[in-house]
């Protein structure tokens, strides 16, 4: 078994993928012709985005974005957390927590992406 991808439901996948490419340097793997689905290369797994309207059309009932209280986060590892945080904020993310060294030694920070998804920016563990 292999963890292949995560799909985030967002209002506008193309806009959201633009943020992630500018903020974190991910390459676009694919975008559907009508822009309601896309995938980013992130290493062994893919980060994918599907339009909430498309998902509703498939009979699912996605939460509204931005979510009032996050139920999950995605974590992205880097050797330079402060620089990655600055780049993400410049690209349109909202800082939630400045880089902080945790008791176990790892430095982490948090942003919310333009859709309200909580993103941890951290050193590798």
PDB file of N, CA and C in Angstrom:
ATOM      1  N   UNK A   1       0.848  -1.179   0.000  1.00  0.00           N
ATOM      2  CA  UNK A   1       0.000   0.000   0.000  1.00  0.00           C
ATOM      3  C   UNK A   1       0.893   1.241   0.000  1.00  0.00           C
ATOM      4  N   UNK A   2       0.478   2.251  -0.727  1.00  0.00           N
ATOM      5  CA  UNK A   2       1.233   3.502  -0.806  1.00  0.00           C
ATOM      6  C   UNK A   2       0.265   4.667  -0.676  1.00  0.00           C
ATOM      7  N   UNK A   3       0.646   5.664   0.108  1.00  0.00           N
ATOM      8  CA  UNK A   3      -0.136   6.896   0.203  1.00  0.00           C
ATOM      9  C   UNK A   3       0.141   7.695  -1.057  1.00  0.00           C
ATOM     10  N   UNK A   4      -0.866   7.843  -1.912  1.00  0.00           N
ATOM     11  CA  UNK A   4      -0.664   8.403  -3.241  1.00  0.00           C
ATOM     12  C   UNK A   4      -0.914   9.908  -3.303  1.00  0.00           C
ATOM     13  N   UNK A   5      -2.061  10.370  -2.753  1.00  0.00           N
ATOM     14  CA  UNK A   5      -2.382  11.791  -2.847  1.00  0.00           C
ATOM     15  C   UNK A   5      -3.404  12.194  -1.797  1.00  0.00           C
ATOM     16  N   UNK A   6      -3.499  13.505  -1.608  1.00  0.00           N
ATOM     17  CA  UNK A   6      -4.540  14.139  -0.805  1.00  0.00           C
ATOM     18  C   UNK A   6      -5.237  15.131  -1.713  1.00  0.00           C
ATOM     19  N   UNK A   7      -6.560  15.168  -1.647  1.00  0.00           N
ATOM     20  CA  UNK A   7      -7.331  16.132  -2.433  1.00  0.00           C
ATOM     21  C   UNK A   7      -7.991  17.108  -1.474  1.00  0.00           C
ATOM     22  N   UNK A   8      -7.711  18.389  -1.656  1.00  0.00           N
ATOM     23  CA  UNK A   8      -8.382  19.433  -0.897  1.00  0.00           C
ATOM     24  C   UNK A   8      -9.492  20.017  -1.754  1.00  0.00           C
ATOM     25  N   UNK A   9     -10.678  20.181  -1.184  1.00  0.00           N
ATOM     26  CA  UNK A   9     -11.801  20.781  -1.897  1.00  0.00           C
ATOM     27  C   UNK A   9     -11.732  22.290  -1.712  1.00  0.00           C
ATOM     28  N   UNK A  10     -11.654  23.003  -2.813  1.00  0.00           N
ATOM     29  CA  UNK A  10     -11.465  24.454  -2.787  1.00  0.00           C
ATOM     30  C   UNK A  10     -12.389  25.108  -3.819  1.00  0.00           C
ATOM     31  N   UNK A  11     -12.677  26.388  -3.649  1.00  0.00           N
ATOM     32  CA  UNK A  11     -13.539  27.061  -4.620  1.00  0.00           C
ATOM     33  C   UNK A  11     -12.937  27.143  -6.018  1.00  0.00           C
ATOM     34  N   UNK A  12     -11.619  27.383  -6.113  1.00  0.00           N
ATOM     35  CA  UNK A  12     -10.979  27.619  -7.406  1.00  0.00           C
ATOM     36  C   UNK A  12      -9.619  26.913  -7.430  1.00  0.00           C
ATOM     37  N   UNK A  13      -9.556  25.669  -7.907  1.00  0.00           N
ATOM     38  CA  UNK A  13      -8.299  24.927  -7.899  1.00  0.00           C
ATOM     39  C   UNK A  13      -7.135  25.631  -8.602  1.00  0.00           C
ATOM     40  N   UNK A  14      -7.392  26.301  -9.708  1.00  0.00           N
ATOM     41  CA  UNK A  14      -6.313  26.966 -10.438  1.00  0.00           C
ATOM     42  C   UNK A  14      -5.704  28.082  -9.578  1.00  0.00           C
ATOM     43  N   UNK A  15      -6.548  28.877  -8.925  1.00  0.00           N
ATOM     44  CA  UNK A  15      -6.055  29.944  -8.046  1.00  0.00           C
ATOM     45  C   UNK A  15      -5.267  29.369  -6.879  1.00  0.00           C
ATOM     46  N   UNK A  16      -5.785  28.299  -6.291  1.00  0.00           N
ATOM     47  CA  UNK A  16      -5.114  27.682  -5.152  1.00  0.00           C
ATOM     48  C   UNK A  16      -3.776  27.089  -5.566  1.00  0.00           C
ATOM     49  N   UNK A  17      -3.732  26.414  -6.714  1.00  0.00           N
ATOM     50  CA  UNK A  17      -2.461  25.856  -7.177  1.00  0.00           C
ATOM     51  C   UNK A  17      -1.451  26.953  -7.486  1.00  0.00           C
ATOM     52  N   UNK A  18      -1.921  28.082  -7.983  1.00  0.00           N
ATOM     53  CA  UNK A  18      -1.020  29.209  -8.224  1.00  0.00           C
ATOM     54  C   UNK A  18      -0.370  29.648  -6.920  1.00  0.00           C
ATOM     55  N   UNK A  19      -1.155  29.710  -5.842  1.00  0.00           N
ATOM     56  CA  UNK A  19      -0.585  30.062  -4.537  1.00  0.00           C
ATOM     57  C   UNK A  19       0.504  29.060  -4.146  1.00  0.00           C
ATOM     58  N   UNK A  20       0.226  27.762  -4.214  1.00  0.00           N
ATOM     59  CA  UNK A  20       1.184  26.748  -3.779  1.00  0.00           C
ATOM     60  C   UNK A  20       2.432  26.719  -4.657  1.00  0.00           C
ATOM     61  N   UNK A  21       2.314  27.025  -5.931  1.00  0.00           N
ATOM     62  CA  UNK A  21       3.511  27.075  -6.776  1.00  0.00           C
ATOM     63  C   UNK A  21       4.367  28.285  -6.413  1.00  0.00           C
ATOM     64  N   UNK A  22       3.723  29.434  -6.170  1.00  0.00           N
ATOM     65  CA  UNK A  22       4.488  30.627  -5.804  1.00  0.00           C
ATOM     66  C   UNK A  22       5.039  30.534  -4.390  1.00  0.00           C
ATOM     67  N   UNK A  23       4.260  30.013  -3.455  1.00  0.00           N
ATOM     68  CA  UNK A  23       4.667  29.966  -2.048  1.00  0.00           C
ATOM     69  C   UNK A  23       5.709  28.894  -1.780  1.00  0.00           C
ATOM     70  N   UNK A  24       5.583  27.733  -2.423  1.00  0.00           N
ATOM     71  CA  UNK A  24       6.418  26.598  -2.058  1.00  0.00           C
ATOM     72  C   UNK A  24       7.205  25.996  -3.217  1.00  0.00           C
ATOM     73  N   UNK A  25       7.017  26.502  -4.422  1.00  0.00           N
ATOM     74  CA  UNK A  25       7.804  26.046  -5.553  1.00  0.00           C
ATOM     75  C   UNK A  25       7.386  24.719  -6.150  1.00  0.00           C
ATOM     76  N   UNK A  26       6.192  24.231  -5.825  1.00  0.00           N
ATOM     77  CA  UNK A  26       5.728  22.969  -6.395  1.00  0.00           C
ATOM     78  C   UNK A  26       5.420  23.132  -7.881  1.00  0.00           C
ATOM     79  N   UNK A  27       5.673  22.076  -8.635  1.00  0.00           N
ATOM     80  CA  UNK A  27       5.367  22.077 -10.067  1.00  0.00           C
ATOM     81  C   UNK A  27       3.964  21.522 -10.284  1.00  0.00           C
ATOM     82  N   UNK A  28       3.264  22.096 -11.242  1.00  0.00           N
ATOM     83  CA  UNK A  28       1.938  21.597 -11.609  1.00  0.00           C
ATOM     84  C   UNK A  28       2.122  20.304 -12.395  1.00  0.00           C
ATOM     85  N   UNK A  29       1.485  19.252 -11.937  1.00  0.00           N
ATOM     86  CA  UNK A  29       1.526  17.948 -12.615  1.00  0.00           C
ATOM     87  C   UNK A  29       0.457  17.897 -13.687  1.00  0.00           C
ATOM     88  N   UNK A  30      -0.759  18.359 -13.345  1.00  0.00           N
ATOM     89  CA  UNK A  30      -1.833  18.408 -14.329  1.00  0.00           C
ATOM     90  C   UNK A  30      -2.934  19.335 -13.843  1.00  0.00           C
ATOM     91  N   UNK A  31      -3.657  19.853 -14.808  1.00  0.00           N
ATOM     92  CA  UNK A  31      -4.859  20.657 -14.561  1.00  0.00           C
ATOM     93  C   UNK A  31      -5.905  20.198 -15.560  1.00  0.00           C
ATOM     94  N   UNK A  32      -7.131  19.964 -15.085  1.00  0.00           N
ATOM     95  CA  UNK A  32      -8.192  19.541 -15.994  1.00  0.00           C
ATOM     96  C   UNK A  32      -8.504  20.666 -16.976  1.00  0.00           C
ATOM     97  N   UNK A  33      -9.035  20.341 -18.142  1.00  0.00           N
ATOM     98  CA  UNK A  33      -9.320  21.367 -19.142  1.00  0.00           C
ATOM     99  C   UNK A  33     -10.221  22.494 -18.638  1.00  0.00           C
ATOM    100  N   UNK A  34     -11.179  22.183 -17.768  1.00  0.00           N
ATOM    101  CA  UNK A  34     -12.064  23.234 -17.257  1.00  0.00           C
ATOM    102  C   UNK A  34     -11.595  23.816 -15.926  1.00  0.00           C
ATOM    103  N   UNK A  35     -10.425  23.393 -15.441  1.00  0.00           N
ATOM    104  CA  UNK A  35      -9.843  23.982 -14.238  1.00  0.00           C
ATOM    105  C   UNK A  35     -10.498  23.577 -12.934  1.00  0.00           C
ATOM    106  N   UNK A  36     -11.305  22.504 -12.946  1.00  0.00           N
ATOM    107  CA  UNK A  36     -11.968  22.124 -11.698  1.00  0.00           C
ATOM    108  C   UNK A  36     -11.213  21.051 -10.922  1.00  0.00           C
ATOM    109  N   UNK A  37     -10.025  20.663 -11.425  1.00  0.00           N
ATOM    110  CA  UNK A  37      -9.183  19.694 -10.730  1.00  0.00           C
ATOM    111  C   UNK A  37      -7.740  19.911 -11.147  1.00  0.00           C
ATOM    112  N   UNK A  38      -6.826  19.737 -10.199  1.00  0.00           N
ATOM    113  CA  UNK A  38      -5.410  19.841 -10.519  1.00  0.00           C
ATOM    114  C   UNK A  38      -4.561  19.132  -9.500  1.00  0.00           C
ATOM    115  N   UNK A  39      -3.322  18.833  -9.901  1.00  0.00           N
ATOM    116  CA  UNK A  39      -2.379  18.140  -9.037  1.00  0.00           C
ATOM    117  C   UNK A  39      -1.024  18.841  -9.071  1.00  0.00           C
ATOM    118  N   UNK A  40      -0.368  18.858  -7.905  1.00  0.00           N
ATOM    119  CA  UNK A  40       0.978  19.394  -7.782  1.00  0.00           C
ATOM    120  C   UNK A  40       1.933  18.265  -7.427  1.00  0.00           C
ATOM    121  N   UNK A  41       3.136  18.313  -7.979  1.00  0.00           N
ATOM    122  CA  UNK A  41       4.203  17.381  -7.613  1.00  0.00           C
ATOM    123  C   UNK A  41       4.809  17.862  -6.298  1.00  0.00           C
ATOM    124  N   UNK A  42       4.843  16.976  -5.307  1.00  0.00           N
ATOM    125  CA  UNK A  42       5.388  17.352  -4.000  1.00  0.00           C
ATOM    126  C   UNK A  42       6.381  16.329  -3.482  1.00  0.00           C
ATOM    127  N   UNK A  43       6.806  15.410  -4.307  1.00  0.00           N
ATOM    128  CA  UNK A  43       7.673  14.316  -3.878  1.00  0.00           C
ATOM    129  C   UNK A  43       6.979  13.004  -4.179  1.00  0.00           C
ATOM    130  N   UNK A  44       6.971  12.084  -3.230  1.00  0.00           N
ATOM    131  CA  UNK A  44       6.362  10.776  -3.461  1.00  0.00           C
ATOM    132  C   UNK A  44       4.843  10.823  -3.476  1.00  0.00           C
ATOM    133  N   UNK A  45       4.249  11.825  -2.869  1.00  0.00           N
ATOM    134  CA  UNK A  45       2.798  11.977  -2.892  1.00  0.00           C
ATOM    135  C   UNK A  45       2.447  13.238  -3.661  1.00  0.00           C
ATOM    136  N   UNK A  46       1.187  13.337  -4.055  1.00  0.00           N
ATOM    137  CA  UNK A  46       0.737  14.527  -4.770  1.00  0.00           C
ATOM    138  C   UNK A  46      -0.251  15.295  -3.897  1.00  0.00           C
ATOM    139  N   UNK A  47      -0.234  16.602  -4.049  1.00  0.00           N
ATOM    140  CA  UNK A  47      -1.204  17.474  -3.408  1.00  0.00           C
ATOM    141  C   UNK A  47      -2.170  17.907  -4.501  1.00  0.00           C
ATOM    142  N   UNK A  48      -3.454  17.548  -4.321  1.00  0.00           N
ATOM    143  CA  UNK A  48      -4.448  17.759  -5.372  1.00  0.00           C
ATOM    144  C   UNK A  48      -5.553  18.688  -4.879  1.00  0.00           C
ATOM    145  N   UNK A  49      -6.226  19.316  -5.830  1.00  0.00           N
ATOM    146  CA  UNK A  49      -7.287  20.256  -5.518  1.00  0.00           C
ATOM    147  C   UNK A  49      -8.465  20.004  -6.451  1.00  0.00           C
ATOM    148  N   UNK A  50      -9.652  19.944  -5.867  1.00  0.00           N
ATOM    149  CA  UNK A  50     -10.872  19.751  -6.646  1.00  0.00           C
ATOM    150  C   UNK A  50     -11.853  20.864  -6.288  1.00  0.00           C
ATOM    151  N   UNK A  51     -12.554  21.359  -7.287  1.00  0.00           N
ATOM    152  CA  UNK A  51     -13.531  22.428  -7.079  1.00  0.00           C
ATOM    153  C   UNK A  51     -14.705  21.906  -6.252  1.00  0.00           C
ATOM    154  N   UNK A  52     -15.093  22.676  -5.243  1.00  0.00           N
ATOM    155  CA  UNK A  52     -16.210  22.263  -4.386  1.00  0.00           C
ATOM    156  C   UNK A  52     -17.476  22.051  -5.205  1.00  0.00           C
ATOM    157  N   UNK A  53     -17.704  22.853  -6.228  1.00  0.00           N
ATOM    158  CA  UNK A  53     -18.900  22.684  -7.055  1.00  0.00           C
ATOM    159  C   UNK A  53     -18.872  21.355  -7.804  1.00  0.00           C
ATOM    160  N   UNK A  54     -17.709  20.959  -8.294  1.00  0.00           N
ATOM    161  CA  UNK A  54     -17.589  19.673  -8.960  1.00  0.00           C
ATOM    162  C   UNK A  54     -17.867  18.546  -7.964  1.00  0.00           C
ATOM    163  N   UNK A  55     -17.323  18.663  -6.779  1.00  0.00           N
ATOM    164  CA  UNK A  55     -17.507  17.634  -5.746  1.00  0.00           C
ATOM    165  C   UNK A  55     -18.981  17.525  -5.363  1.00  0.00           C
ATOM    166  N   UNK A  56     -19.658  18.669  -5.244  1.00  0.00           N
ATOM    167  CA  UNK A  56     -21.098  18.638  -4.969  1.00  0.00           C
ATOM    168  C   UNK A  56     -21.842  17.908  -6.091  1.00  0.00           C
ATOM    169  N   UNK A  57     -21.414  18.131  -7.321  1.00  0.00           N
ATOM    170  CA  UNK A  57     -22.028  17.476  -8.471  1.00  0.00           C
ATOM    171  C   UNK A  57     -21.840  15.967  -8.463  1.00  0.00           C
ATOM    172  N   UNK A  58     -20.848  15.495  -7.705  1.00  0.00           N
ATOM    173  CA  UNK A  58     -20.611  14.057  -7.584  1.00  0.00           C
ATOM    174  C   UNK A  58     -21.361  13.461  -6.393  1.00  0.00           C
ATOM    175  N   UNK A  59     -22.203  14.287  -5.748  1.00  0.00           N
ATOM    176  CA  UNK A  59     -23.006  13.793  -4.642  1.00  0.00           C
ATOM    177  C   UNK A  59     -22.363  13.880  -3.279  1.00  0.00           C
ATOM    178  N   UNK A  60     -21.207  14.511  -3.180  1.00  0.00           N
ATOM    179  CA  UNK A  60     -20.552  14.690  -1.881  1.00  0.00           C
ATOM    180  C   UNK A  60     -21.004  16.012  -1.278  1.00  0.00           C
ATOM    181  N   UNK A  61     -20.797  16.180   0.018  1.00  0.00           N
ATOM    182  CA  UNK A  61     -21.220  17.386   0.727  1.00  0.00           C
ATOM    183  C   UNK A  61     -20.018  18.014   1.424  1.00  0.00           C
ATOM    184  N   UNK A  62     -19.156  18.710   0.669  1.00  0.00           N
ATOM    185  CA  UNK A  62     -17.933  19.267   1.266  1.00  0.00           C
ATOM    186  C   UNK A  62     -18.229  20.418   2.216  1.00  0.00           C
ATOM    187  N   UNK A  63     -17.342  20.601   3.190  1.00  0.00           N
ATOM    188  CA  UNK A  63     -17.435  21.732   4.107  1.00  0.00           C
ATOM    189  C   UNK A  63     -17.214  23.020   3.331  1.00  0.00           C
ATOM    190  N   UNK A  64     -17.757  24.087   3.829  1.00  0.00           N
ATOM    191  CA  UNK A  64     -17.528  25.402   3.230  1.00  0.00           C
ATOM    192  C   UNK A  64     -16.114  25.868   3.557  1.00  0.00           C
ATOM    193  N   UNK A  65     -15.533  26.637   2.674  1.00  0.00           N
ATOM    194  CA  UNK A  65     -14.219  27.213   2.950  1.00  0.00           C
ATOM    195  C   UNK A  65     -14.366  28.722   2.996  1.00  0.00           C
ATOM    196  N   UNK A  66     -13.597  29.423   3.805  1.00  0.00           N
ATOM    197  CA  UNK A  66     -12.630  28.847   4.736  1.00  0.00           C
ATOM    198  C   UNK A  66     -13.331  28.225   5.939  1.00  0.00           C
ATOM    199  N   UNK A  67     -12.710  27.185   6.445  1.00  0.00           N
ATOM    200  CA  UNK A  67     -13.283  26.510   7.603  1.00  0.00           C
ATOM    201  C   UNK A  67     -13.057  27.364   8.844  1.00  0.00           C
ATOM    202  N   UNK A  68     -14.049  27.387   9.734  1.00  0.00           N
ATOM    203  CA  UNK A  68     -13.923  28.188  10.948  1.00  0.00           C
ATOM    204  C   UNK A  68     -12.866  27.615  11.884  1.00  0.00           C
ATOM    205  N   UNK A  69     -12.843  26.302  11.985  1.00  0.00           N
ATOM    206  CA  UNK A  69     -11.860  25.633  12.835  1.00  0.00           C
ATOM    207  C   UNK A  69     -11.276  24.468  12.053  1.00  0.00           C
ATOM    208  N   UNK A  70      -9.975  24.464  11.840  1.00  0.00           N
ATOM    209  CA  UNK A  70      -9.376  23.395  11.041  1.00  0.00           C
ATOM    210  C   UNK A  70      -9.579  22.028  11.685  1.00  0.00           C
ATOM    211  N   UNK A  71      -9.821  21.033  10.854  1.00  0.00           N
ATOM    212  CA  UNK A  71      -9.937  19.655  11.307  1.00  0.00           C
ATOM    213  C   UNK A  71      -8.692  18.862  10.907  1.00  0.00           C
ATOM    214  N   UNK A  72      -7.785  19.480  10.160  1.00  0.00           N
ATOM    215  CA  UNK A  72      -6.552  18.832   9.720  1.00  0.00           C
ATOM    216  C   UNK A  72      -5.569  19.922   9.330  1.00  0.00           C
ATOM    217  N   UNK A  73      -4.346  19.506   9.090  1.00  0.00           N
ATOM    218  CA  UNK A  73      -3.334  20.405   8.539  1.00  0.00           C
ATOM    219  C   UNK A  73      -2.486  19.603   7.582  1.00  0.00           C
ATOM    220  N   UNK A  74      -1.832  20.292   6.674  1.00  0.00           N
ATOM    221  CA  UNK A  74      -0.822  19.637   5.852  1.00  0.00           C
ATOM    222  C   UNK A  74       0.520  20.178   6.323  1.00  0.00           C
ATOM    223  N   UNK A  75       1.552  19.360   6.262  1.00  0.00           N
ATOM    224  CA  UNK A  75       2.879  19.756   6.727  1.00  0.00           C
ATOM    225  C   UNK A  75       3.860  19.692   5.563  1.00  0.00           C
ATOM    226  N   UNK A  76       4.645  20.736   5.435  1.00  0.00           N
ATOM    227  CA  UNK A  76       5.655  20.835   4.388  1.00  0.00           C
ATOM    228  C   UNK A  76       7.008  21.060   5.056  1.00  0.00           C
ATOM    229  N   UNK A  77       7.985  20.233   4.728  1.00  0.00           N
ATOM    230  CA  UNK A  77       9.292  20.288   5.364  1.00  0.00           C
ATOM    231  C   UNK A  77      10.288  21.086   4.542  1.00  0.00           C
ATOM    232  N   UNK A  78      11.127  21.827   5.245  1.00  0.00           N
ATOM    233  CA  UNK A  78      12.166  22.646   4.633  1.00  0.00           C
ATOM    234  C   UNK A  78      13.311  22.812   5.630  1.00  0.00           C
ATOM    235  N   UNK A  79      14.503  23.099   5.117  1.00  0.00           N
ATOM    236  CA  UNK A  79      15.636  23.367   5.999  1.00  0.00           C
ATOM    237  C   UNK A  79      15.651  24.811   6.484  1.00  0.00           C
ATOM    238  N   UNK A  80      14.842  25.695   5.874  1.00  0.00           N
ATOM    239  CA  UNK A  80      14.826  27.110   6.253  1.00  0.00           C
ATOM    240  C   UNK A  80      13.387  27.564   6.485  1.00  0.00           C
ATOM    241  N   UNK A  81      12.882  27.307   7.681  1.00  0.00           N
ATOM    242  CA  UNK A  81      11.489  27.628   8.010  1.00  0.00           C
ATOM    243  C   UNK A  81      11.209  29.128   7.902  1.00  0.00           C
ATOM    244  N   UNK A  82      12.049  30.017   8.463  1.00  0.00           N
ATOM    245  CA  UNK A  82      11.740  31.445   8.357  1.00  0.00           C
ATOM    246  C   UNK A  82      11.631  31.934   6.908  1.00  0.00           C
ATOM    247  N   UNK A  83      12.529  31.487   6.033  1.00  0.00           N
ATOM    248  CA  UNK A  83      12.479  31.918   4.630  1.00  0.00           C
ATOM    249  C   UNK A  83      11.230  31.368   3.943  1.00  0.00           C
ATOM    250  N   UNK A  84      10.882  30.111   4.224  1.00  0.00           N
ATOM    251  CA  UNK A  84       9.687  29.519   3.614  1.00  0.00           C
ATOM    252  C   UNK A  84       8.427  30.219   4.099  1.00  0.00           C
ATOM    253  N   UNK A  85       8.383  30.566   5.373  1.00  0.00           N
ATOM    254  CA  UNK A  85       7.229  31.297   5.907  1.00  0.00           C
ATOM    255  C   UNK A  85       7.105  32.649   5.218  1.00  0.00           C
ATOM    256  N   UNK A  86       8.205  33.373   5.091  1.00  0.00           N
ATOM    257  CA  UNK A  86       8.175  34.690   4.444  1.00  0.00           C
ATOM    258  C   UNK A  86       7.686  34.577   3.007  1.00  0.00           C
ATOM    259  N   UNK A  87       8.159  33.570   2.278  1.00  0.00           N
ATOM    260  CA  UNK A  87       7.751  33.370   0.883  1.00  0.00           C
ATOM    261  C   UNK A  87       6.256  33.046   0.803  1.00  0.00           C
ATOM    262  N   UNK A  88       5.762  32.235   1.742  1.00  0.00           N
ATOM    263  CA  UNK A  88       4.341  31.862   1.744  1.00  0.00           C
ATOM    264  C   UNK A  88       3.461  33.069   2.050  1.00  0.00           C
ATOM    265  N   UNK A  89       3.882  33.904   2.978  1.00  0.00           N
ATOM    266  CA  UNK A  89       3.112  35.109   3.305  1.00  0.00           C
ATOM    267  C   UNK A  89       3.134  36.068   2.120  1.00  0.00           C
ATOM    268  N   UNK A  90       4.287  36.221   1.492  1.00  0.00           N
ATOM    269  CA  UNK A  90       4.387  37.096   0.312  1.00  0.00           C
ATOM    270  C   UNK A  90       3.479  36.609  -0.817  1.00  0.00           C
ATOM    271  N   UNK A  91       3.295  35.293  -0.915  1.00  0.00           N
ATOM    272  CA  UNK A  91       2.454  34.718  -1.971  1.00  0.00           C
ATOM    273  C   UNK A  91       0.965  34.823  -1.658  1.00  0.00           C
ATOM    274  N   UNK A  92       0.616  35.222  -0.420  1.00  0.00           N
ATOM    275  CA  UNK A  92      -0.798  35.392  -0.083  1.00  0.00           C
ATOM    276  C   UNK A  92      -1.289  34.595   1.105  1.00  0.00           C
ATOM    277  N   UNK A  93      -0.397  33.854   1.753  1.00  0.00           N
ATOM    278  CA  UNK A  93      -0.776  33.128   2.963  1.00  0.00           C
ATOM    279  C   UNK A  93      -0.860  34.073   4.151  1.00  0.00           C
ATOM    280  N   UNK A  94      -1.550  33.639   5.183  1.00  0.00           N
ATOM    281  CA  UNK A  94      -1.692  34.424   6.412  1.00  0.00           C
ATOM    282  C   UNK A  94      -0.922  33.733   7.526  1.00  0.00           C
ATOM    283  N   UNK A  95       0.028  34.444   8.126  1.00  0.00           N
ATOM    284  CA  UNK A  95       0.807  33.857   9.212  1.00  0.00           C
ATOM    285  C   UNK A  95      -0.094  33.567  10.412  1.00  0.00           C
ATOM    286  N   UNK A  96       0.026  32.353  10.943  1.00  0.00           N
ATOM    287  CA  UNK A  96      -0.711  31.941  12.132  1.00  0.00           C
ATOM    288  C   UNK A  96       0.243  31.828  13.317  1.00  0.00           C
ATOM    289  N   UNK A  97       1.459  31.306  13.053  1.00  0.00           N
ATOM    290  CA  UNK A  97       2.461  31.170  14.108  1.00  0.00           C
ATOM    291  C   UNK A  97       3.845  31.375  13.511  1.00  0.00           C
ATOM    292  N   UNK A  98       4.611  32.273  14.130  1.00  0.00           N
ATOM    293  CA  UNK A  98       5.989  32.522  13.702  1.00  0.00           C
ATOM    294  C   UNK A  98       6.828  31.276  13.961  1.00  0.00           C
ATOM    295  N   UNK A  99       7.986  31.157  13.293  1.00  0.00           N
ATOM    296  CA  UNK A  99       8.847  30.007  13.548  1.00  0.00           C
ATOM    297  C   UNK A  99       9.151  29.874  15.042  1.00  0.00           C
ATOM    298  N   UNK A 100       8.921  28.684  15.554  1.00  0.00           N
ATOM    299  CA  UNK A 100       9.071  28.404  16.982  1.00  0.00           C
ATOM    300  C   UNK A 100       9.768  27.067  17.146  1.00  0.00           C
ATOM    301  N   UNK A 101      10.760  27.032  18.039  1.00  0.00           N
ATOM    302  CA  UNK A 101      11.423  25.755  18.310  1.00  0.00           C
ATOM    303  C   UNK A 101      10.602  24.982  19.328  1.00  0.00           C
ATOM    304  N   UNK A 102      10.245  23.780  18.964  1.00  0.00           N
ATOM    305  CA  UNK A 102       9.442  22.913  19.815  1.00  0.00           C
ATOM    306  C   UNK A 102      10.336  22.234  20.857  1.00  0.00           C
ATOM    307  N   UNK A 103       9.753  21.736  21.941  1.00  0.00           N
ATOM    308  CA  UNK A 103      10.560  21.081  22.979  1.00  0.00           C
ATOM    309  C   UNK A 103      11.412  19.922  22.454  1.00  0.00           C
ATOM    310  N   UNK A 104      10.994  19.276  21.378  1.00  0.00           N
ATOM    311  CA  UNK A 104      11.761  18.163  20.818  1.00  0.00           C
ATOM    312  C   UNK A 104      12.823  18.633  19.836  1.00  0.00           C
ATOM    313  N   UNK A 105      12.953  19.985  19.646  1.00  0.00           N
ATOM    314  CA  UNK A 105      14.035  20.544  18.843  1.00  0.00           C
ATOM    315  C   UNK A 105      13.663  20.984  17.445  1.00  0.00           C
ATOM    316  N   UNK A 106      12.536  20.555  16.935  1.00  0.00           N
ATOM    317  CA  UNK A 106      12.109  20.908  15.575  1.00  0.00           C
ATOM    318  C   UNK A 106      11.561  22.337  15.555  1.00  0.00           C
ATOM    319  N   UNK A 107      11.887  23.092  14.495  1.00  0.00           N
ATOM    320  CA  UNK A 107      11.330  24.426  14.294  1.00  0.00           C
ATOM    321  C   UNK A 107      10.113  24.293  13.382  1.00  0.00           C
ATOM    322  N   UNK A 108       8.994  24.895  13.818  1.00  0.00           N
ATOM    323  CA  UNK A 108       7.774  24.869  13.020  1.00  0.00           C
ATOM    324  C   UNK A 108       7.146  26.249  12.982  1.00  0.00           C
ATOM    325  N   UNK A 109       6.342  26.481  11.977  1.00  0.00           N
ATOM    326  CA  UNK A 109       5.518  27.679  11.877  1.00  0.00           C
ATOM    327  C   UNK A 109       4.226  27.261  11.175  1.00  0.00           C
ATOM    328  N   UNK A 110       3.235  28.149  11.184  1.00  0.00           N
ATOM    329  CA  UNK A 110       1.961  27.861  10.536  1.00  0.00           C
ATOM    330  C   UNK A 110       1.487  29.059   9.732  1.00  0.00           C
ATOM    331  N   UNK A 111       0.841  28.752   8.608  1.00  0.00           N
ATOM    332  CA  UNK A 111       0.094  29.744   7.839  1.00  0.00           C
ATOM    333  C   UNK A 111      -1.274  29.158   7.547  1.00  0.00           C
ATOM    334  N   UNK A 112      -2.184  30.016   7.105  1.00  0.00           N
ATOM    335  CA  UNK A 112      -3.401  29.569   6.437  1.00  0.00           C
ATOM    336  C   UNK A 112      -3.253  29.984   4.985  1.00  0.00           C
ATOM    337  N   UNK A 113      -3.574  29.047   4.083  1.00  0.00           N
ATOM    338  CA  UNK A 113      -3.533  29.396   2.671  1.00  0.00           C
ATOM    339  C   UNK A 113      -4.742  30.278   2.346  1.00  0.00           C
ATOM    340  N   UNK A 114      -4.850  30.820   1.146  1.00  0.00           N
ATOM    341  CA  UNK A 114      -5.965  31.717   0.828  1.00  0.00           C
ATOM    342  C   UNK A 114      -7.349  31.094   0.982  1.00  0.00           C
ATOM    343  N   UNK A 115      -7.431  29.761   1.013  1.00  0.00           N
ATOM    344  CA  UNK A 115      -8.716  29.089   1.212  1.00  0.00           C
ATOM    345  C   UNK A 115      -8.976  28.746   2.673  1.00  0.00           C
ATOM    346  N   UNK A 116      -8.011  29.033   3.540  1.00  0.00           N
ATOM    347  CA  UNK A 116      -8.175  28.770   4.964  1.00  0.00           C
ATOM    348  C   UNK A 116      -7.573  27.463   5.440  1.00  0.00           C
ATOM    349  N   UNK A 117      -6.923  26.703   4.567  1.00  0.00           N
ATOM    350  CA  UNK A 117      -6.286  25.457   4.979  1.00  0.00           C
ATOM    351  C   UNK A 117      -5.058  25.760   5.825  1.00  0.00           C
ATOM    352  N   UNK A 118      -4.946  25.073   6.960  1.00  0.00           N
ATOM    353  CA  UNK A 118      -3.801  25.243   7.848  1.00  0.00           C
ATOM    354  C   UNK A 118      -2.612  24.473   7.291  1.00  0.00           C
ATOM    355  N   UNK A 119      -1.486  25.167   7.139  1.00  0.00           N
ATOM    356  CA  UNK A 119      -0.279  24.572   6.591  1.00  0.00           C
ATOM    357  C   UNK A 119       0.848  24.742   7.597  1.00  0.00           C
ATOM    358  N   UNK A 120       1.407  23.618   8.021  1.00  0.00           N
ATOM    359  CA  UNK A 120       2.594  23.635   8.890  1.00  0.00           C
ATOM    360  C   UNK A 120       3.818  23.698   8.004  1.00  0.00           C
ATOM    361  N   UNK A 121       4.724  24.622   8.299  1.00  0.00           N
ATOM    362  CA  UNK A 121       6.008  24.702   7.635  1.00  0.00           C
ATOM    363  C   UNK A 121       7.027  24.316   8.693  1.00  0.00           C
ATOM    364  N   UNK A 122       7.758  23.236   8.460  1.00  0.00           N
ATOM    365  CA  UNK A 122       8.593  22.692   9.524  1.00  0.00           C
ATOM    366  C   UNK A 122       9.928  22.189   8.999  1.00  0.00           C
ATOM    367  N   UNK A 123      10.864  22.041   9.937  1.00  0.00           N
ATOM    368  CA  UNK A 123      12.100  21.357   9.625  1.00  0.00           C
ATOM    369  C   UNK A 123      11.803  19.862   9.510  1.00  0.00           C
ATOM    370  N   UNK A 124      12.608  19.146   8.724  1.00  0.00           N
ATOM    371  CA  UNK A 124      12.426  17.694   8.687  1.00  0.00           C
ATOM    372  C   UNK A 124      12.621  17.103  10.082  1.00  0.00           C
ATOM    373  N   UNK A 125      11.923  16.018  10.356  1.00  0.00           N
ATOM    374  CA  UNK A 125      12.088  15.370  11.665  1.00  0.00           C
ATOM    375  C   UNK A 125      13.106  14.266  11.567  1.00  0.00           C
TER     376      UNK A 125
END
